[in-house]
Amino acid sequence: MGRKKLEEAILKKSKDGKLPCAVCFKIAEDFGISKKKMGEILNEINIRVTQCQLGCFK
């Protein structure tokens, strides 16, 4: 699956520019990308992680 489809999935699941950590993990898994790459893409498209499973982001 391509980058455009990935971004569409992220934007569809996000709300007010935010996306829960668990959802980020699931999308990364579905698209076969690393969590690190997912974080880079989220930064590029200005989506913030919420409800971080590590407690890093609220």
N, C-alpha and C. Protein backbone atom coordinates (compact mmCIF):
# COMPACT_ATOMS: atom_id res chain seq x y z
N MET A 1 0.84 -1.19 0.00
CA MET A 1 0.00 0.00 0.00
C MET A 1 0.88 1.24 0.00
N GLY A 2 0.43 2.26 -0.67
CA GLY A 2 1.24 3.45 -0.85
C GLY A 2 1.09 4.49 0.24
N ARG A 3 1.95 5.46 0.14
CA ARG A 3 1.97 6.56 1.12
C ARG A 3 0.64 7.30 1.15
N LYS A 4 0.05 7.53 -0.02
CA LYS A 4 -1.21 8.28 -0.07
C LYS A 4 -2.31 7.53 0.69
N LYS A 5 -2.38 6.22 0.51
CA LYS A 5 -3.38 5.41 1.22
C LYS A 5 -3.12 5.43 2.73
N LEU A 6 -1.85 5.41 3.11
CA LEU A 6 -1.49 5.48 4.52
C LEU A 6 -1.95 6.80 5.12
N GLU A 7 -1.65 7.90 4.45
CA GLU A 7 -2.07 9.21 4.95
C GLU A 7 -3.59 9.31 5.04
N GLU A 8 -4.29 8.74 4.05
CA GLU A 8 -5.75 8.75 4.09
C GLU A 8 -6.27 7.99 5.30
N ALA A 9 -5.67 6.84 5.60
CA ALA A 9 -6.07 6.04 6.76
C ALA A 9 -5.84 6.82 8.05
N ILE A 10 -4.69 7.49 8.13
CA ILE A 10 -4.37 8.28 9.32
C ILE A 10 -5.39 9.41 9.50
N LEU A 11 -5.63 10.15 8.44
CA LEU A 11 -6.55 11.28 8.52
C LEU A 11 -7.97 10.84 8.82
N LYS A 12 -8.37 9.69 8.30
CA LYS A 12 -9.71 9.17 8.54
C LYS A 12 -9.90 8.82 10.02
N LYS A 13 -8.86 8.28 10.65
CA LYS A 13 -8.95 7.86 12.05
C LYS A 13 -8.67 9.00 13.03
N SER A 14 -8.02 10.06 12.57
CA SER A 14 -7.67 11.15 13.48
C SER A 14 -8.87 12.05 13.75
N LYS A 15 -8.78 12.75 14.87
CA LYS A 15 -9.83 13.70 15.24
C LYS A 15 -9.15 14.95 15.78
N ASP A 16 -9.46 16.07 15.19
CA ASP A 16 -8.88 17.35 15.60
C ASP A 16 -7.35 17.32 15.56
N GLY A 17 -6.79 16.63 14.56
CA GLY A 17 -5.34 16.58 14.40
C GLY A 17 -4.64 15.69 15.40
N LYS A 18 -5.39 14.77 16.04
CA LYS A 18 -4.81 13.89 17.05
C LYS A 18 -5.22 12.45 16.77
N LEU A 19 -4.34 11.53 17.19
CA LEU A 19 -4.58 10.11 16.97
C LEU A 19 -4.05 9.33 18.17
N PRO A 20 -4.88 8.47 18.77
CA PRO A 20 -4.41 7.68 19.91
C PRO A 20 -3.26 6.75 19.53
N CYS A 21 -2.36 6.55 20.43
CA CYS A 21 -1.17 5.73 20.23
C CYS A 21 -1.53 4.34 19.71
N ALA A 22 -2.50 3.68 20.35
CA ALA A 22 -2.88 2.33 19.95
C ALA A 22 -3.33 2.27 18.50
N VAL A 23 -4.02 3.31 18.06
CA VAL A 23 -4.47 3.37 16.66
C VAL A 23 -3.27 3.56 15.74
N CYS A 24 -2.31 4.35 16.16
CA CYS A 24 -1.07 4.53 15.37
C CYS A 24 -0.36 3.19 15.19
N PHE A 25 -0.26 2.42 16.28
CA PHE A 25 0.39 1.11 16.21
C PHE A 25 -0.34 0.20 15.23
N LYS A 26 -1.67 0.19 15.29
CA LYS A 26 -2.48 -0.68 14.42
C LYS A 26 -2.32 -0.29 12.96
N ILE A 27 -2.36 1.00 12.67
CA ILE A 27 -2.20 1.45 11.28
C ILE A 27 -0.80 1.08 10.77
N ALA A 28 0.22 1.29 11.59
CA ALA A 28 1.58 0.92 11.21
C ALA A 28 1.67 -0.57 10.88
N GLU A 29 1.06 -1.38 11.72
CA GLU A 29 1.06 -2.83 11.49
C GLU A 29 0.33 -3.17 10.19
N ASP A 30 -0.84 -2.57 9.99
CA ASP A 30 -1.63 -2.83 8.79
C ASP A 30 -0.88 -2.48 7.51
N PHE A 31 -0.06 -1.42 7.58
CA PHE A 31 0.67 -0.97 6.40
C PHE A 31 2.09 -1.51 6.33
N GLY A 32 2.47 -2.30 7.32
CA GLY A 32 3.79 -2.94 7.30
C GLY A 32 4.94 -1.97 7.44
N ILE A 33 4.75 -0.93 8.26
CA ILE A 33 5.82 0.03 8.51
C ILE A 33 6.19 0.00 9.99
N SER A 34 7.38 0.48 10.29
CA SER A 34 7.83 0.52 11.68
C SER A 34 7.11 1.64 12.44
N LYS A 35 7.12 1.52 13.74
CA LYS A 35 6.53 2.57 14.58
C LYS A 35 7.33 3.86 14.44
N LYS A 36 8.63 3.74 14.26
CA LYS A 36 9.48 4.92 14.05
C LYS A 36 9.07 5.65 12.77
N LYS A 37 8.87 4.89 11.69
CA LYS A 37 8.46 5.49 10.41
C LYS A 37 7.08 6.13 10.56
N MET A 38 6.20 5.47 11.30
CA MET A 38 4.87 6.01 11.53
C MET A 38 4.98 7.36 12.23
N GLY A 39 5.84 7.45 13.24
CA GLY A 39 6.05 8.71 13.94
C GLY A 39 6.55 9.81 13.03
N GLU A 40 7.46 9.46 12.13
CA GLU A 40 7.99 10.44 11.17
C GLU A 40 6.89 10.95 10.26
N ILE A 41 6.05 10.05 9.79
CA ILE A 41 4.95 10.44 8.90
C ILE A 41 3.95 11.31 9.65
N LEU A 42 3.63 10.94 10.89
CA LEU A 42 2.71 11.75 11.68
C LEU A 42 3.24 13.17 11.86
N ASN A 43 4.54 13.30 12.10
CA ASN A 43 5.14 14.63 12.23
C ASN A 43 5.02 15.40 10.92
N GLU A 44 5.27 14.74 9.82
CA GLU A 44 5.21 15.40 8.51
C GLU A 44 3.83 15.93 8.18
N ILE A 45 2.79 15.20 8.60
CA ILE A 45 1.43 15.64 8.27
C ILE A 45 0.72 16.30 9.46
N ASN A 46 1.52 16.65 10.48
CA ASN A 46 1.04 17.42 11.63
C ASN A 46 -0.09 16.75 12.41
N ILE A 47 0.06 15.45 12.65
CA ILE A 47 -0.87 14.72 13.50
C ILE A 47 -0.15 14.43 14.81
N ARG A 48 -0.80 14.71 15.93
CA ARG A 48 -0.20 14.52 17.25
C ARG A 48 -0.71 13.22 17.86
N VAL A 49 0.17 12.53 18.57
CA VAL A 49 -0.17 11.28 19.26
C VAL A 49 -0.79 11.61 20.61
N THR A 50 -1.89 10.93 20.93
CA THR A 50 -2.53 11.08 22.24
C THR A 50 -2.62 9.72 22.90
N GLN A 51 -2.93 9.71 24.17
CA GLN A 51 -3.10 8.48 24.93
C GLN A 51 -1.92 7.53 24.72
N CYS A 52 -0.73 8.08 24.83
CA CYS A 52 0.50 7.32 24.58
C CYS A 52 0.59 6.14 25.54
N GLN A 53 0.89 4.99 25.00
CA GLN A 53 1.01 3.78 25.81
C GLN A 53 2.25 3.80 26.69
N LEU A 54 3.20 4.67 26.38
CA LEU A 54 4.40 4.81 27.20
C LEU A 54 4.28 5.96 28.19
N GLY A 55 3.22 6.75 28.08
CA GLY A 55 3.03 7.88 28.97
C GLY A 55 3.77 9.12 28.52
N CYS A 56 4.26 9.13 27.29
CA CYS A 56 5.04 10.27 26.78
C CYS A 56 4.15 11.43 26.33
N PHE A 57 2.98 11.12 25.81
CA PHE A 57 2.08 12.14 25.28
C PHE A 57 0.72 11.94 25.91
N LYS A 58 0.07 13.05 26.23
CA LYS A 58 -1.26 12.96 26.85
C LYS A 58 -2.35 13.17 25.84
